[in-house]
């Protein structure tokens, strides 16, 4: 089995867990390749296997990779999307941080997860992606997002006015700090913190969530993921900010943002003992008595 290892940041406190992960993979007979910038960070701390391969971008990530391990947090996993793209390579998120909705395998569960993988005791979930149809090329060829597309004010002193159209039908003019269009995966990210609903990963929907809206009666709305969403900034803001997951750009008011569902999805590895509702109970502390 060929395993790719990806990460963004490495520090001394991760050494015991990373060493154990490497040893478990080597003992299982895995063929390893590692993201080059991450390998440079790991090398001062650990002796790496001599036969480990290297990849620098999506073009030299081996197409026969069975699973890509994302070692970090949810932000790290989001940054695997420009690497795997539409290759179909599944991603396993290993959480080295705190929350970790997407990176559901904790540091303490690494050994058990690797054993389950080599025993084929896992499944693959396909997560919907957002495609930025317009403006074309705003983020080069990485014009898709796993979590959300966000339009946000550039100036800090006034609200932004965003007109929203769904399938060319006018929905509302939002006076707010910004607006989020989120996938089911992204419903537990920025959209959730802005008051949006939680969607199960398999839901065929998107969520439109205003950020700090001026009109308190305006609520998030759930739409079919077959819809085409068009956002238009009006008023005195000449420029505004657009983000797709962790990628950010500033564009001028004359440009409409057009979003739809991408023609491909992202594949995530799901362990047999993990389920979505158990994850949100754990991460959001549902049912926990916090009075003491």
Protein backbone atom coordinates (compact mmCIF):
# COMPACT_ATOMS: atom_id res chain seq x y z
CA UNK A 1 0.00 0.00 0.00
CA UNK A 2 1.35 3.42 -0.97
CA UNK A 3 0.84 6.13 1.67
CA UNK A 4 1.53 9.84 1.13
CA UNK A 5 2.28 12.00 4.17
CA UNK A 6 1.33 15.69 4.16
CA UNK A 7 1.65 18.36 6.81
CA UNK A 8 2.35 22.07 7.16
CA UNK A 9 3.94 22.51 10.57
CA UNK A 10 6.06 20.25 12.75
CA UNK A 11 7.34 20.74 16.29
CA UNK A 12 9.07 18.77 19.02
CA UNK A 13 5.93 17.75 20.90
CA UNK A 14 4.74 15.83 17.84
CA UNK A 15 7.84 13.64 17.67
CA UNK A 16 6.55 10.64 19.72
CA UNK A 17 3.31 10.43 17.72
CA UNK A 18 4.98 10.91 14.35
CA UNK A 19 7.66 8.33 15.18
CA UNK A 20 5.00 5.84 16.16
CA UNK A 21 3.10 6.53 12.93
CA UNK A 22 6.21 5.98 10.80
CA UNK A 23 7.13 2.79 12.64
CA UNK A 24 3.60 1.41 12.30
CA UNK A 25 3.53 2.16 8.57
CA UNK A 26 6.97 0.68 7.96
CA UNK A 27 6.12 -2.45 9.99
CA UNK A 28 2.96 -2.85 7.91
CA UNK A 29 5.03 -2.74 4.72
CA UNK A 30 3.76 0.61 3.44
CA UNK A 31 5.53 2.41 0.61
CA UNK A 32 5.92 6.01 1.81
CA UNK A 33 6.12 9.35 0.02
CA UNK A 34 6.23 12.69 1.85
CA UNK A 35 5.49 16.29 0.94
CA UNK A 36 8.92 17.87 0.48
CA UNK A 37 8.47 21.06 2.58
CA UNK A 38 7.09 18.92 5.42
CA UNK A 39 9.95 16.43 5.13
CA UNK A 40 12.43 19.30 5.63
CA UNK A 41 10.69 20.21 8.90
CA UNK A 42 10.60 16.63 10.17
CA UNK A 43 14.21 15.68 9.31
CA UNK A 44 15.91 17.55 12.21
CA UNK A 45 13.78 15.60 14.69
CA UNK A 46 13.61 12.08 13.28
CA UNK A 47 15.57 9.56 11.26
CA UNK A 48 13.37 8.92 8.25
CA UNK A 49 13.32 5.66 6.28
CA UNK A 50 15.96 5.69 3.53
CA UNK A 51 13.53 4.58 0.87
CA UNK A 52 10.95 7.32 1.50
CA UNK A 53 9.84 9.15 -1.65
CA UNK A 54 9.16 12.87 -2.09
CA UNK A 55 6.49 14.93 -3.85
CA UNK A 56 6.33 18.72 -4.19
CA UNK A 57 2.93 19.39 -5.77
CA UNK A 58 -0.09 17.73 -7.33
CA UNK A 59 1.74 16.82 -10.52
CA UNK A 60 4.28 14.56 -8.82
CA UNK A 61 1.99 13.13 -6.14
CA UNK A 62 1.99 9.48 -7.32
CA UNK A 63 -1.31 8.66 -9.01
CA UNK A 64 -1.26 5.17 -7.49
CA UNK A 65 -1.26 6.57 -3.92
CA UNK A 66 -3.76 4.57 -1.89
CA UNK A 67 -4.28 7.10 0.93
CA UNK A 68 -2.88 10.52 1.75
CA UNK A 69 -2.37 11.12 5.48
CA UNK A 70 -3.04 14.73 6.48
CA UNK A 71 -1.09 15.29 9.71
CA UNK A 72 -2.19 18.42 11.56
CA UNK A 73 -5.68 19.83 11.94
CA UNK A 74 -8.66 20.71 9.78
CA UNK A 75 -6.77 23.57 8.14
CA UNK A 76 -4.07 21.14 7.07
CA UNK A 77 -6.65 18.80 5.60
CA UNK A 78 -8.21 21.65 3.61
CA UNK A 79 -4.79 22.27 2.07
CA UNK A 80 -4.67 18.71 0.74
CA UNK A 81 -7.41 19.53 -1.77
CA UNK A 82 -5.06 21.37 -4.17
CA UNK A 83 -2.87 18.25 -4.07
CA UNK A 84 -5.44 15.49 -4.58
CA UNK A 85 -7.82 17.56 -6.75
CA UNK A 86 -9.93 15.20 -8.89
CA UNK A 87 -7.51 12.26 -8.61
CA UNK A 88 -9.82 10.29 -6.32
CA UNK A 89 -7.00 9.75 -3.78
CA UNK A 90 -8.69 9.49 -0.36
CA UNK A 91 -7.46 11.56 2.58
CA UNK A 92 -7.20 10.48 6.22
CA UNK A 93 -7.10 13.36 8.71
CA UNK A 94 -4.88 12.88 11.77
CA UNK A 95 -5.56 15.57 14.34
CA UNK A 96 -2.51 17.00 16.11
CA UNK A 97 -4.52 19.93 17.45
CA UNK A 98 -7.68 20.37 19.47
CA UNK A 99 -11.01 20.43 17.62
CA UNK A 100 -10.71 18.45 14.39
CA UNK A 101 -14.07 17.82 12.72
CA UNK A 102 -12.38 16.63 9.51
CA UNK A 103 -9.19 15.33 11.12
CA UNK A 104 -11.07 12.83 13.23
CA UNK A 105 -8.18 10.52 14.20
CA UNK A 106 -6.54 11.71 17.42
CA UNK A 107 -2.83 11.34 18.19
CA UNK A 108 -3.62 8.46 20.53
CA UNK A 109 -5.58 6.60 17.83
CA UNK A 110 -2.89 6.59 15.12
CA UNK A 111 -1.72 3.01 15.65
CA UNK A 112 -5.25 1.65 15.75
CA UNK A 113 -6.19 3.60 12.62
CA UNK A 114 -3.21 2.25 10.66
CA UNK A 115 -4.06 -1.30 11.70
CA UNK A 116 -7.65 -0.78 10.54
CA UNK A 117 -6.47 0.57 7.20
CA UNK A 118 -4.26 -2.42 6.47
CA UNK A 119 -7.06 -4.74 7.53
CA UNK A 120 -9.44 -2.89 5.16
CA UNK A 121 -11.73 -1.90 8.01
CA UNK A 122 -12.67 1.52 6.72
CA UNK A 123 -14.90 3.17 4.14
CA UNK A 124 -14.65 6.17 1.82
CA UNK A 125 -16.97 9.16 2.07
CA UNK A 126 -17.37 11.52 -0.88
CA UNK A 127 -17.74 15.15 0.19
CA UNK A 128 -19.29 17.82 -2.06
CA UNK A 129 -17.13 20.69 -3.28
CA UNK A 130 -17.98 24.24 -4.31
CA UNK A 131 -16.83 25.44 -7.71
CA UNK A 132 -16.13 29.13 -8.31
CA UNK A 133 -17.53 29.51 -11.81
CA UNK A 134 -16.89 33.27 -11.96
CA UNK A 135 -14.63 35.18 -11.88
CA UNK A 136 -12.71 32.57 -13.83
CA UNK A 137 -9.11 32.08 -12.75
CA UNK A 138 -9.40 34.10 -9.52
CA UNK A 139 -7.52 31.34 -7.72
CA UNK A 140 -5.71 30.06 -10.79
CA UNK A 141 -6.78 26.44 -11.37
CA UNK A 142 -7.68 25.81 -7.71
CA UNK A 143 -11.18 27.24 -7.99
CA UNK A 144 -12.96 24.81 -5.67
CA UNK A 145 -13.48 24.55 -1.92
CA UNK A 146 -14.36 21.81 0.55
CA UNK A 147 -15.76 24.08 3.26
CA UNK A 148 -17.00 27.40 1.98
CA UNK A 149 -16.81 30.44 -0.23
CA UNK A 150 -16.95 33.66 1.77
CA UNK A 151 -17.52 37.25 0.65
CA UNK A 152 -16.33 39.72 3.27
CA UNK A 153 -15.98 43.48 3.57
CA UNK A 154 -12.54 44.88 2.84
CA UNK A 155 -13.02 48.09 4.82
CA UNK A 156 -13.44 47.62 8.56
CA UNK A 157 -15.64 50.65 9.19
CA UNK A 158 -18.90 49.83 7.40
CA UNK A 159 -21.16 46.96 6.45
CA UNK A 160 -21.12 45.41 3.00
CA UNK A 161 -24.32 45.00 0.96
CA UNK A 162 -24.56 41.66 -0.86
CA UNK A 163 -27.37 40.78 -3.23
CA UNK A 164 -27.98 37.03 -3.48
CA UNK A 165 -29.59 35.22 -6.40
CA UNK A 166 -30.35 31.48 -6.48
CA UNK A 167 -30.92 30.14 -9.98
CA UNK A 168 -31.32 33.78 -11.09
CA UNK A 169 -34.12 34.36 -8.58
CA UNK A 170 -33.48 37.22 -6.17
CA UNK A 171 -33.29 36.04 -2.55
CA UNK A 172 -32.30 39.06 -0.46
CA UNK A 173 -29.95 42.00 0.00
CA UNK A 174 -27.78 41.25 3.03
CA UNK A 175 -26.39 44.17 5.06
CA UNK A 176 -23.66 42.39 6.99
CA UNK A 177 -19.95 41.92 7.59
CA UNK A 178 -20.07 39.26 4.92
CA UNK A 179 -21.74 36.12 3.61
CA UNK A 180 -20.84 32.42 3.58
CA UNK A 181 -21.88 29.78 1.07
CA UNK A 182 -21.02 26.48 2.73
CA UNK A 183 -21.07 22.80 1.83
CA UNK A 184 -22.37 20.19 4.29
CA UNK A 185 -18.74 19.69 5.33
CA UNK A 186 -18.35 23.43 5.85
CA UNK A 187 -21.56 23.63 7.87
CA UNK A 188 -19.53 22.74 10.99
CA UNK A 189 -16.85 25.35 10.26
CA UNK A 190 -17.18 29.14 9.74
CA UNK A 191 -20.88 28.87 8.93
CA UNK A 192 -21.56 27.21 12.29
CA UNK A 193 -19.77 29.99 14.18
CA UNK A 194 -21.92 32.52 12.30
CA UNK A 195 -25.12 30.79 13.42
CA UNK A 196 -25.69 28.41 10.50
CA UNK A 197 -27.25 24.95 10.81
CA UNK A 198 -25.35 21.66 10.90
CA UNK A 199 -25.85 19.46 7.84
CA UNK A 200 -24.95 15.79 7.67
CA UNK A 201 -22.10 15.19 5.18
CA UNK A 202 -24.35 13.29 2.75
CA UNK A 203 -26.93 16.09 2.52
CA UNK A 204 -27.50 17.35 -1.03
CA UNK A 205 -27.59 20.95 0.09
CA UNK A 206 -25.62 24.14 0.54
CA UNK A 207 -26.06 26.77 3.27
CA UNK A 208 -26.14 30.54 2.78
CA UNK A 209 -25.16 32.15 6.09
CA UNK A 210 -24.85 35.91 6.69
CA UNK A 211 -22.07 37.12 8.99
CA UNK A 212 -23.15 39.62 11.67
CA UNK A 213 -26.16 40.78 9.66
CA UNK A 214 -27.64 44.20 10.42
CA UNK A 215 -31.20 42.83 10.24
CA UNK A 216 -31.65 40.29 13.04
CA UNK A 217 -34.66 38.69 11.32
CA UNK A 218 -32.45 37.49 8.46
CA UNK A 219 -31.53 33.85 9.03
CA UNK A 220 -29.33 31.29 7.27
CA UNK A 221 -31.04 29.42 4.45
CA UNK A 222 -30.53 25.89 3.12
CA UNK A 223 -30.73 25.39 -0.66
CA UNK A 224 -30.39 22.37 -2.99
CA UNK A 225 -26.83 21.76 -4.13
CA UNK A 226 -28.08 21.73 -7.74
CA UNK A 227 -28.56 25.49 -7.43
CA UNK A 228 -26.35 28.15 -8.95
CA UNK A 229 -25.65 30.98 -6.51
CA UNK A 230 -24.75 34.47 -7.69
CA UNK A 231 -23.48 37.12 -5.28
CA UNK A 232 -23.31 40.81 -6.18
CA UNK A 233 -21.79 43.48 -3.95
CA UNK A 234 -23.50 46.88 -4.26
CA UNK A 235 -23.23 50.21 -2.46
CA UNK A 236 -20.16 52.21 -1.60
CA UNK A 237 -17.68 49.35 -1.27
CA UNK A 238 -15.44 49.47 -4.34
CA UNK A 239 -13.53 46.32 -3.39
CA UNK A 240 -14.29 43.26 -1.30
CA UNK A 241 -12.60 40.05 -0.16
CA UNK A 242 -13.36 36.57 -1.46
CA UNK A 243 -12.04 33.42 0.18
CA UNK A 244 -12.24 29.75 -0.77
CA UNK A 245 -11.26 27.75 2.30
CA UNK A 246 -7.78 29.16 3.05
CA UNK A 247 -7.25 31.03 -0.26
CA UNK A 248 -8.02 34.76 -0.30
CA UNK A 249 -8.29 37.40 -3.02
CA UNK A 250 -9.52 41.01 -3.28
CA UNK A 251 -11.68 41.96 -6.26
CA UNK A 252 -13.64 45.03 -7.34
CA UNK A 253 -17.37 45.61 -7.02
CA UNK A 254 -18.10 45.18 -10.73
CA UNK A 255 -17.48 41.42 -10.50
CA UNK A 256 -20.26 38.97 -9.65
CA UNK A 257 -19.40 35.80 -7.75
CA UNK A 258 -20.98 32.70 -9.29
CA UNK A 259 -20.85 29.43 -7.33
CA UNK A 260 -22.10 25.94 -8.07
CA UNK A 261 -21.38 22.35 -7.13
CA UNK A 262 -18.10 21.00 -8.50
CA UNK A 263 -18.33 18.03 -10.91
CA UNK A 264 -16.16 15.93 -8.59
CA UNK A 265 -15.95 15.42 -4.84
CA UNK A 266 -13.24 14.92 -2.24
CA UNK A 267 -12.81 11.45 -0.75
CA UNK A 268 -12.26 11.13 3.01
CA UNK A 269 -11.35 7.96 4.88
CA UNK A 270 -13.90 7.00 7.53
CA UNK A 271 -13.08 4.48 10.23
CA UNK A 272 -15.64 1.86 11.22
CA UNK A 273 -15.82 3.12 14.80
CA UNK A 274 -16.38 6.75 13.81
CA UNK A 275 -19.69 8.39 12.92
CA UNK A 276 -20.71 11.98 12.25
CA UNK A 277 -23.07 12.34 15.19
CA UNK A 278 -20.52 10.89 17.60
CA UNK A 279 -17.97 13.40 16.30
CA UNK A 280 -20.20 16.43 16.80
CA UNK A 281 -21.25 15.19 20.26
CA UNK A 282 -17.58 14.97 21.19
CA UNK A 283 -16.38 18.19 19.54
CA UNK A 284 -19.34 20.37 20.54
CA UNK A 285 -19.62 18.83 24.01
CA UNK A 286 -23.27 17.85 23.52
CA UNK A 287 -24.76 16.24 26.58
CA UNK A 288 -21.80 17.22 28.75
CA UNK A 289 -22.55 18.75 32.14
CA UNK A 290 -20.31 21.84 32.14
CA UNK A 291 -21.63 23.30 35.39
CA UNK A 292 -18.68 22.04 37.43
